[in-house]
Amino acid sequence: PIPCVPWQSQTSGQYQRRVHGVDANTAALVRNLDNGLQTLITEPGLFIPAKNEQVLKERKVIRLADHEAVVLKDKNGDYHYYYGDPTKGTERAFFIPPYWELVKLCWSRGRRREKRDLIITIFDTRPQFMSFEFNCRTSDNVEMILEGTFFWEILSLPEMMRTTSDASGDVCAHARSCFIQLVSKVKLAEFMDTFNDIALRAHSGDDEFYRMRGIKIHSLEVTQYKCADSSTSKILSQIIMETTNRMNRLSRQEKRE
């Protein structure tokens, strides 16, 4: 219901009307009972509906920060884009017009993007981090669990809306596919020496995929890897420890020389 001034009623015969407060933050969506047309009352003051008018609901103003953007869909199904960035030339504080609606997207969440229940209505157009985790196998059949982060950004909201409804899920799924292909061509020892190069090739080798979705991947980093099998993981830990110790010994030897 519309929040009103401590409400009072005006009576005309058996008809009772409610007084509604309209201000810079709240508008009233009104339907004409004779023809069914809807109008949005935005003029500040007290609004008293006529006998043939019905207040459907309140509409709160949308105010966008410089880095925020929203998508509205009109009665014809066309998209309209509004940005908080003043250089874009769109309103950054507005009410949703009658018959229009705020577009909601359902994105995947979690390190493995297994749940798709994250509702997005306001898009953050700043570069941001997104973590990931997935399994892959080397050419010598060692199953690895990779963990890392994307540093990504939405460059074109219209392109993203045109090609995908789950931007975060698409990014992770495509990166996982690229990683699986690249890691399957190298043995474990080579992977340990070149995993940063593999990460670079995984996101830079197919920029067209991200460009079509209006997305830019600034970097992709593997922050941790481990063997899925516990016994293999122990062997890998020993190898890493021995490699570290050998590097430390060489460093001390160079300092003495």
C-alpha atoms as a PDB file:
ATOM      1  CA  PRO A   1       0.000   0.000   0.000  1.00  0.00           C
ATOM      2  CA  ILE A   2       0.997   3.610  -0.600  1.00  0.00           C
ATOM      3  CA  PRO A   3       2.428   5.211   2.550  1.00  0.00           C
ATOM      4  CA  CYS A   4       0.247   8.226   3.241  1.00  0.00           C
ATOM      5  CA  VAL A   5       0.308  11.263   5.357  1.00  0.00           C
ATOM      6  CA  PRO A   6      -1.354  10.159   8.640  1.00  0.00           C
ATOM      7  CA  TRP A   7      -4.236   9.247   6.530  1.00  0.00           C
ATOM      8  CA  GLN A   8      -7.553  10.860   6.426  1.00  0.00           C
ATOM      9  CA  SER A   9     -10.587  10.194   4.272  1.00  0.00           C
ATOM     10  CA  GLN A  10     -12.910  12.474   2.425  1.00  0.00           C
ATOM     11  CA  THR A  11     -16.481  11.267   2.092  1.00  0.00           C
ATOM     12  CA  SER A  12     -18.845  12.024  -0.759  1.00  0.00           C
ATOM     13  CA  GLY A  13     -22.065  10.084  -0.206  1.00  0.00           C
ATOM     14  CA  GLN A  14     -20.970   6.471   0.282  1.00  0.00           C
ATOM     15  CA  TYR A  15     -17.613   6.981  -1.476  1.00  0.00           C
ATOM     16  CA  GLN A  16     -14.419   7.225   0.546  1.00  0.00           C
ATOM     17  CA  ARG A  17     -11.094   8.470  -0.865  1.00  0.00           C
ATOM     18  CA  ARG A  18      -7.645   8.154   0.631  1.00  0.00           C
ATOM     19  CA  VAL A  19      -5.050  10.924   0.564  1.00  0.00           C
ATOM     20  CA  HIS A  20      -1.647   9.843  -0.757  1.00  0.00           C
ATOM     21  CA  GLY A  21       1.662  11.623  -0.305  1.00  0.00           C
ATOM     22  CA  VAL A  22       3.775  12.085  -3.448  1.00  0.00           C
ATOM     23  CA  ASP A  23       7.307  13.467  -3.195  1.00  0.00           C
ATOM     24  CA  ALA A  24      10.758  13.262  -4.783  1.00  0.00           C
ATOM     25  CA  ASN A  25      11.175   9.667  -3.591  1.00  0.00           C
ATOM     26  CA  THR A  26       7.690   8.238  -4.114  1.00  0.00           C
ATOM     27  CA  ALA A  27       5.219   8.304  -7.005  1.00  0.00           C
ATOM     28  CA  ALA A  28       1.758   6.770  -7.342  1.00  0.00           C
ATOM     29  CA  LEU A  29       0.762   4.434 -10.167  1.00  0.00           C
ATOM     30  CA  VAL A  30      -2.905   5.127 -10.929  1.00  0.00           C
ATOM     31  CA  ARG A  31      -5.395   3.249 -13.114  1.00  0.00           C
ATOM     32  CA  ASN A  32      -8.429   4.851 -14.670  1.00  0.00           C
ATOM     33  CA  LEU A  33     -11.364   2.516 -13.977  1.00  0.00           C
ATOM     34  CA  ASP A  34     -13.287   3.727 -17.037  1.00  0.00           C
ATOM     35  CA  ASN A  35     -10.696   2.982 -19.723  1.00  0.00           C
ATOM     36  CA  GLY A  36      -8.048   0.937 -17.858  1.00  0.00           C
ATOM     37  CA  LEU A  37      -5.212   3.326 -18.714  1.00  0.00           C
ATOM     38  CA  GLN A  38      -2.392   3.768 -16.225  1.00  0.00           C
ATOM     39  CA  THR A  39      -0.658   7.025 -15.323  1.00  0.00           C
ATOM     40  CA  LEU A  40       2.178   7.853 -12.955  1.00  0.00           C
ATOM     41  CA  ILE A  41       1.625  10.731 -10.550  1.00  0.00           C
ATOM     42  CA  THR A  42       4.983  12.372  -9.793  1.00  0.00           C
ATOM     43  CA  GLU A  43       4.040  15.950  -8.944  1.00  0.00           C
ATOM     44  CA  PRO A  44       4.932  16.506  -5.269  1.00  0.00           C
ATOM     45  CA  GLY A  45       1.994  17.067  -2.964  1.00  0.00           C
ATOM     46  CA  LEU A  46      -1.107  15.296  -1.723  1.00  0.00           C
ATOM     47  CA  PHE A  47      -2.855  13.177  -4.331  1.00  0.00           C
ATOM     48  CA  ILE A  48      -6.542  12.341  -3.904  1.00  0.00           C
ATOM     49  CA  PRO A  49      -7.809   9.816  -6.490  1.00  0.00           C
ATOM     50  CA  ALA A  50     -11.060  10.613  -8.252  1.00  0.00           C
ATOM     51  CA  LYS A  51     -14.034   8.263  -8.070  1.00  0.00           C
ATOM     52  CA  ASN A  52     -12.969   6.551 -11.291  1.00  0.00           C
ATOM     53  CA  GLU A  53      -9.295   6.193 -10.264  1.00  0.00           C
ATOM     54  CA  GLN A  54      -7.522   3.450  -8.363  1.00  0.00           C
ATOM     55  CA  VAL A  55      -4.022   3.704  -6.894  1.00  0.00           C
ATOM     56  CA  LEU A  56      -2.349   0.411  -7.842  1.00  0.00           C
ATOM     57  CA  LYS A  57       0.926   0.800  -5.945  1.00  0.00           C
ATOM     58  CA  GLU A  58       3.730   3.119  -5.042  1.00  0.00           C
ATOM     59  CA  ARG A  59       6.849   3.429  -7.148  1.00  0.00           C
ATOM     60  CA  LYS A  60      10.114   4.397  -5.525  1.00  0.00           C
ATOM     61  CA  VAL A  61      12.636   6.523  -7.359  1.00  0.00           C
ATOM     62  CA  ILE A  62      15.701   4.750  -8.755  1.00  0.00           C
ATOM     63  CA  ARG A  63      18.955   6.616  -8.130  1.00  0.00           C
ATOM     64  CA  LEU A  64      22.111   5.299  -9.753  1.00  0.00           C
ATOM     65  CA  ALA A  65      25.687   5.784  -8.602  1.00  0.00           C
ATOM     66  CA  ASP A  66      28.357   6.573 -11.204  1.00  0.00           C
ATOM     67  CA  HIS A  67      29.245   2.883 -11.629  1.00  0.00           C
ATOM     68  CA  GLU A  68      25.689   1.514 -11.717  1.00  0.00           C
ATOM     69  CA  ALA A  69      23.315   0.762 -14.579  1.00  0.00           C
ATOM     70  CA  VAL A  70      19.842  -0.724 -14.996  1.00  0.00           C
ATOM     71  CA  VAL A  71      17.775  -2.098 -17.860  1.00  0.00           C
ATOM     72  CA  LEU A  72      14.063  -1.320 -18.282  1.00  0.00           C
ATOM     73  CA  LYS A  73      11.668  -3.148 -20.599  1.00  0.00           C
ATOM     74  CA  ASP A  74       8.780  -1.209 -22.110  1.00  0.00           C
ATOM     75  CA  LYS A  75       5.327  -2.470 -23.051  1.00  0.00           C
ATOM     76  CA  ASN A  76       6.593  -3.513 -26.501  1.00  0.00           C
ATOM     77  CA  GLY A  77       9.408  -5.631 -25.046  1.00  0.00           C
ATOM     78  CA  ASP A  78      12.178  -3.232 -26.061  1.00  0.00           C
ATOM     79  CA  TYR A  79      15.099  -2.636 -23.691  1.00  0.00           C
ATOM     80  CA  HIS A  80      16.122   0.806 -22.454  1.00  0.00           C
ATOM     81  CA  TYR A  81      19.444   1.368 -20.688  1.00  0.00           C
ATOM     82  CA  TYR A  82      20.049   3.867 -17.897  1.00  0.00           C
ATOM     83  CA  TYR A  83      23.484   4.670 -16.481  1.00  0.00           C
ATOM     84  CA  GLY A  84      24.691   6.532 -13.422  1.00  0.00           C
ATOM     85  CA  ASP A  85      27.725   7.710 -15.384  1.00  0.00           C
ATOM     86  CA  PRO A  86      26.876  11.314 -16.417  1.00  0.00           C
ATOM     87  CA  THR A  87      28.900  10.941 -19.641  1.00  0.00           C
ATOM     88  CA  LYS A  88      26.364   8.383 -20.926  1.00  0.00           C
ATOM     89  CA  GLY A  89      23.683  11.059 -21.211  1.00  0.00           C
ATOM     90  CA  THR A  90      20.816   9.178 -19.521  1.00  0.00           C
ATOM     91  CA  GLU A  91      18.794  10.056 -16.454  1.00  0.00           C
ATOM     92  CA  ARG A  92      20.376   8.774 -13.253  1.00  0.00           C
ATOM     93  CA  ALA A  93      17.334   9.411 -11.006  1.00  0.00           C
ATOM     94  CA  PHE A  94      13.915   8.432 -12.350  1.00  0.00           C
ATOM     95  CA  PHE A  95      10.646   6.583 -11.769  1.00  0.00           C
ATOM     96  CA  ILE A  96       9.742   3.499 -13.810  1.00  0.00           C
ATOM     97  CA  PRO A  97       7.042   4.605 -16.299  1.00  0.00           C
ATOM     98  CA  PRO A  98       3.629   2.900 -16.494  1.00  0.00           C
ATOM     99  CA  TYR A  99       3.640  -0.483 -18.291  1.00  0.00           C
ATOM    100  CA  TRP A 100       7.437  -0.661 -17.946  1.00  0.00           C
ATOM    101  CA  GLU A 101       9.362  -3.010 -15.686  1.00  0.00           C
ATOM    102  CA  LEU A 102      12.836  -3.370 -14.217  1.00  0.00           C
ATOM    103  CA  VAL A 103      14.697  -6.240 -15.916  1.00  0.00           C
ATOM    104  CA  LYS A 104      15.964  -8.957 -13.571  1.00  0.00           C
ATOM    105  CA  LEU A 105      18.631 -11.497 -14.514  1.00  0.00           C
ATOM    106  CA  CYS A 106      19.356 -14.721 -12.670  1.00  0.00           C
ATOM    107  CA  TRP A 107      23.111 -15.346 -12.458  1.00  0.00           C
ATOM    108  CA  SER A 108      25.091 -18.333 -11.247  1.00  0.00           C
ATOM    109  CA  ARG A 109      26.988 -18.056  -7.964  1.00  0.00           C
ATOM    110  CA  GLY A 110      29.487 -20.011  -5.899  1.00  0.00           C
ATOM    111  CA  ARG A 111      33.061 -20.961  -6.750  1.00  0.00           C
ATOM    112  CA  ARG A 112      31.809 -23.684  -9.104  1.00  0.00           C
ATOM    113  CA  ARG A 113      28.739 -21.745 -10.260  1.00  0.00           C
ATOM    114  CA  GLU A 114      26.503 -24.683  -9.336  1.00  0.00           C
ATOM    115  CA  LYS A 115      23.596 -22.548  -8.098  1.00  0.00           C
ATOM    116  CA  ARG A 116      21.759 -20.158 -10.361  1.00  0.00           C
ATOM    117  CA  ASP A 117      19.715 -18.044  -7.986  1.00  0.00           C
ATOM    118  CA  LEU A 118      21.535 -14.708  -7.759  1.00  0.00           C
ATOM    119  CA  ILE A 119      19.030 -12.034  -8.845  1.00  0.00           C
ATOM    120  CA  ILE A 120      20.668  -9.009 -10.490  1.00  0.00           C
ATOM    121  CA  THR A 121      18.682  -5.804 -11.096  1.00  0.00           C
ATOM    122  CA  ILE A 122      21.431  -3.167 -10.768  1.00  0.00           C
ATOM    123  CA  PHE A 123      24.602  -3.868 -12.721  1.00  0.00           C
ATOM    124  CA  ASP A 124      28.029  -2.862 -11.426  1.00  0.00           C
ATOM    125  CA  THR A 125      30.042  -1.652 -14.402  1.00  0.00           C
ATOM    126  CA  ARG A 126      33.342  -1.399 -12.486  1.00  0.00           C
ATOM    127  CA  PRO A 127      36.083  -4.042 -12.947  1.00  0.00           C
ATOM    128  CA  GLN A 128      35.588  -6.674 -10.256  1.00  0.00           C
ATOM    129  CA  PHE A 129      36.948  -9.994  -9.001  1.00  0.00           C
ATOM    130  CA  MET A 130      35.188 -13.346  -9.314  1.00  0.00           C
ATOM    131  CA  SER A 131      36.540 -16.584  -7.836  1.00  0.00           C
ATOM    132  CA  PHE A 132      36.348 -20.028  -9.465  1.00  0.00           C
ATOM    133  CA  GLU A 133      37.120 -23.688  -8.789  1.00  0.00           C
ATOM    134  CA  PHE A 134      36.953 -26.690 -11.115  1.00  0.00           C
ATOM    135  CA  ASN A 135      38.549 -30.050 -11.894  1.00  0.00           C
ATOM    136  CA  CYS A 136      40.716 -31.010 -14.861  1.00  0.00           C
ATOM    137  CA  ARG A 137      43.132 -33.824 -15.833  1.00  0.00           C
ATOM    138  CA  THR A 138      46.689 -33.705 -17.112  1.00  0.00           C
ATOM    139  CA  SER A 139      47.864 -35.872 -20.012  1.00  0.00           C
ATOM    140  CA  ASP A 140      49.324 -38.388 -17.517  1.00  0.00           C
ATOM    141  CA  ASN A 141      45.832 -38.740 -15.981  1.00  0.00           C
ATOM    142  CA  VAL A 142      46.345 -36.760 -12.774  1.00  0.00           C
ATOM    143  CA  GLU A 143      43.099 -35.110 -11.716  1.00  0.00           C
ATOM    144  CA  MET A 144      43.689 -31.549 -10.482  1.00  0.00           C
ATOM    145  CA  ILE A 145      41.492 -29.094  -8.558  1.00  0.00           C
ATOM    146  CA  LEU A 146      42.202 -25.542  -9.690  1.00  0.00           C
ATOM    147  CA  GLU A 147      41.261 -22.430  -7.728  1.00  0.00           C
ATOM    148  CA  GLY A 148      41.687 -18.876  -8.888  1.00  0.00           C
ATOM    149  CA  THR A 149      40.158 -15.507  -9.714  1.00  0.00           C
ATOM    150  CA  PHE A 150      38.944 -13.552 -12.728  1.00  0.00           C
ATOM    151  CA  PHE A 151      39.320  -9.789 -12.922  1.00  0.00           C
ATOM    152  CA  TRP A 152      36.509  -8.859 -15.303  1.00  0.00           C
ATOM    153  CA  GLU A 153      34.296  -5.996 -16.395  1.00  0.00           C
ATOM    154  CA  ILE A 154      31.033  -5.394 -18.259  1.00  0.00           C
ATOM    155  CA  LEU A 155      31.938  -3.133 -21.190  1.00  0.00           C
ATOM    156  CA  SER A 156      28.655  -3.204 -23.129  1.00  0.00           C
ATOM    157  CA  LEU A 157      25.385  -3.831 -21.347  1.00  0.00           C
ATOM    158  CA  PRO A 158      23.358  -4.055 -24.619  1.00  0.00           C
ATOM    159  CA  GLU A 159      25.721  -6.731 -26.001  1.00  0.00           C
ATOM    160  CA  MET A 160      25.492  -8.694 -22.750  1.00  0.00           C
ATOM    161  CA  MET A 161      21.676  -8.539 -22.757  1.00  0.00           C
ATOM    162  CA  ARG A 162      21.590  -9.623 -26.403  1.00  0.00           C
ATOM    163  CA  THR A 163      23.742 -12.748 -25.971  1.00  0.00           C
ATOM    164  CA  THR A 164      23.389 -14.081 -22.407  1.00  0.00           C
ATOM    165  CA  SER A 165      21.189 -14.086 -19.320  1.00  0.00           C
ATOM    166  CA  ASP A 166      23.946 -15.507 -17.092  1.00  0.00           C
ATOM    167  CA  ALA A 167      27.180 -13.568 -17.622  1.00  0.00           C
ATOM    168  CA  SER A 168      29.054 -14.972 -14.623  1.00  0.00           C
ATOM    169  CA  GLY A 169      28.066 -18.544 -15.503  1.00  0.00           C
ATOM    170  CA  ASP A 170      29.146 -18.108 -19.130  1.00  0.00           C
ATOM    171  CA  VAL A 171      32.540 -16.699 -18.132  1.00  0.00           C
ATOM    172  CA  CYS A 172      33.293 -19.552 -15.743  1.00  0.00           C
ATOM    173  CA  ALA A 173      31.972 -22.283 -18.047  1.00  0.00           C
ATOM    174  CA  HIS A 174      34.039 -21.056 -20.989  1.00  0.00           C
ATOM    175  CA  ALA A 175      37.197 -20.647 -18.906  1.00  0.00           C
ATOM    176  CA  ARG A 176      36.728 -24.157 -17.506  1.00  0.00           C
ATOM    177  CA  SER A 177      36.409 -25.566 -21.014  1.00  0.00           C
ATOM    178  CA  CYS A 178      39.610 -23.776 -22.128  1.00  0.00           C
ATOM    179  CA  PHE A 179      41.514 -24.950 -19.048  1.00  0.00           C
ATOM    180  CA  ILE A 180      40.436 -28.564 -19.544  1.00  0.00           C
ATOM    181  CA  GLN A 181      41.657 -28.512 -23.151  1.00  0.00           C
ATOM    182  CA  LEU A 182      45.009 -26.922 -22.312  1.00  0.00           C
ATOM    183  CA  VAL A 183      45.777 -28.959 -19.189  1.00  0.00           C
ATOM    184  CA  SER A 184      44.914 -32.216 -20.965  1.00  0.00           C
ATOM    185  CA  LYS A 185      47.863 -31.605 -23.314  1.00  0.00           C
ATOM    186  CA  VAL A 186      50.562 -31.352 -20.625  1.00  0.00           C
ATOM    187  CA  LYS A 187      51.925 -33.660 -17.959  1.00  0.00           C
ATOM    188  CA  LEU A 188      51.823 -32.848 -14.263  1.00  0.00           C
ATOM    189  CA  ALA A 189      55.466 -31.720 -14.119  1.00  0.00           C
ATOM    190  CA  GLU A 190      54.977 -29.344 -17.045  1.00  0.00           C
ATOM    191  CA  PHE A 191      51.732 -28.022 -15.557  1.00  0.00           C
ATOM    192  CA  MET A 192      53.506 -27.162 -12.313  1.00  0.00           C
ATOM    193  CA  ASP A 193      56.090 -25.127 -14.230  1.00  0.00           C
ATOM    194  CA  THR A 194      53.723 -23.354 -16.628  1.00  0.00           C
ATOM    195  CA  PHE A 195      50.306 -23.019 -14.932  1.00  0.00           C
ATOM    196  CA  ASN A 196      50.471 -19.194 -15.111  1.00  0.00           C
ATOM    197  CA  ASP A 197      51.124 -19.348 -18.853  1.00  0.00           C
ATOM    198  CA  ILE A 198      48.228 -21.796 -19.224  1.00  0.00           C
ATOM    199  CA  ALA A 199      45.950 -19.380 -17.328  1.00  0.00           C
ATOM    200  CA  LEU A 200      46.978 -16.558 -19.669  1.00  0.00           C
ATOM    201  CA  ARG A 201      46.239 -18.651 -22.763  1.00  0.00           C
ATOM    202  CA  ALA A 202      42.916 -19.805 -21.288  1.00  0.00           C
ATOM    203  CA  HIS A 203      41.421 -16.308 -21.281  1.00  0.00           C
ATOM    204  CA  SER A 204      43.340 -14.549 -24.062  1.00  0.00           C
ATOM    205  CA  GLY A 205      43.023 -17.263 -26.687  1.00  0.00           C
ATOM    206  CA  ASP A 206      39.317 -16.647 -27.292  1.00  0.00           C
ATOM    207  CA  ASP A 207      38.635 -12.944 -26.773  1.00  0.00           C
ATOM    208  CA  GLU A 208      35.824 -13.103 -29.348  1.00  0.00           C
ATOM    209  CA  PHE A 209      33.681 -15.166 -26.959  1.00  0.00           C
ATOM    210  CA  TYR A 210      33.849 -12.458 -24.298  1.00  0.00           C
ATOM    211  CA  ARG A 211      33.626  -9.552 -26.760  1.00  0.00           C
ATOM    212  CA  MET A 212      30.334 -10.879 -28.132  1.00  0.00           C
ATOM    213  CA  ARG A 213      28.954 -10.782 -24.594  1.00  0.00           C
ATOM    214  CA  GLY A 214      30.163  -7.262 -23.913  1.00  0.00           C
ATOM    215  CA  ILE A 215      32.660  -8.538 -21.335  1.00  0.00           C
ATOM    216  CA  LYS A 216      36.360  -7.869 -20.859  1.00  0.00           C
ATOM    217  CA  ILE A 217      38.615 -10.292 -18.949  1.00  0.00           C
ATOM    218  CA  HIS A 218      41.519  -8.244 -17.613  1.00  0.00           C
ATOM    219  CA  SER A 219      43.297 -11.175 -15.980  1.00  0.00           C
ATOM    220  CA  LEU A 220      42.861 -14.769 -14.885  1.00  0.00           C
ATOM    221  CA  GLU A 221      45.065 -16.140 -12.120  1.00  0.00           C
ATOM    222  CA  VAL A 222      45.423 -19.601 -10.613  1.00  0.00           C
ATOM    223  CA  THR A 223      45.844 -19.032  -6.881  1.00  0.00           C
ATOM    224  CA  GLN A 224      45.993 -22.689  -5.816  1.00  0.00           C
ATOM    225  CA  TYR A 225      46.034 -26.172  -7.288  1.00  0.00           C
ATOM    226  CA  LYS A 226      45.964 -29.591  -5.713  1.00  0.00           C
ATOM    227  CA  CYS A 227      45.409 -33.207  -6.684  1.00  0.00           C
ATOM    228  CA  ALA A 228      41.894 -34.515  -6.287  1.00  0.00           C
ATOM    229  CA  ASP A 229      43.243 -37.902  -5.088  1.00  0.00           C
ATOM    230  CA  SER A 230      44.588 -37.726  -1.510  1.00  0.00           C
ATOM    231  CA  SER A 231      47.537 -40.088  -2.106  1.00  0.00           C
ATOM    232  CA  THR A 232      48.606 -38.186  -5.219  1.00  0.00           C
ATOM    233  CA  SER A 233      48.177 -34.959  -3.307  1.00  0.00           C
ATOM    234  CA  LYS A 234      50.690 -36.115  -0.694  1.00  0.00           C
ATOM    235  CA  ILE A 235      53.231 -36.920  -3.403  1.00  0.00           C
ATOM    236  CA  LEU A 236      52.619 -33.512  -4.997  1.00  0.00           C
ATOM    237  CA  SER A 237      53.158 -31.792  -1.636  1.00  0.00           C
ATOM    238  CA  GLN A 238      56.454 -33.625  -1.240  1.00  0.00           C
ATOM    239  CA  ILE A 239      57.555 -32.566  -4.725  1.00  0.00           C
ATOM    240  CA  ILE A 240      56.659 -28.937  -4.025  1.00  0.00           C
ATOM    241  CA  MET A 241      58.473 -29.035  -0.686  1.00  0.00           C
ATOM    242  CA  GLU A 242      61.593 -30.562  -2.215  1.00  0.00           C
ATOM    243  CA  THR A 243      61.542 -27.998  -5.041  1.00  0.00           C
ATOM    244  CA  THR A 244      61.248 -25.175  -2.507  1.00  0.00           C
ATOM    245  CA  ASN A 245      64.086 -26.584  -0.410  1.00  0.00           C
ATOM    246  CA  ARG A 246      66.295 -26.948  -3.484  1.00  0.00           C
ATOM    247  CA  MET A 247      65.650 -23.342  -4.493  1.00  0.00           C
ATOM    248  CA  ASN A 248      66.481 -22.179  -0.965  1.00  0.00           C
ATOM    249  CA  ARG A 249      69.735 -24.142  -0.974  1.00  0.00           C
ATOM    250  CA  LEU A 250      70.732 -22.657  -4.331  1.00  0.00           C
ATOM    251  CA  SER A 251      69.909 -19.173  -3.061  1.00  0.00           C
ATOM    252  CA  ARG A 252      72.083 -19.613   0.041  1.00  0.00           C
ATOM    253  CA  GLN A 253      74.895 -21.020  -2.080  1.00  0.00           C
ATOM    254  CA  GLU A 254      74.801 -18.006  -4.422  1.00  0.00           C
ATOM    255  CA  LYS A 255      74.946 -15.630  -1.447  1.00  0.00           C
ATOM    256  CA  ARG A 256      78.060 -17.382  -0.063  1.00  0.00           C
ATOM    257  CA  GLU A 257      79.756 -17.149  -3.442  1.00  0.00           C
END
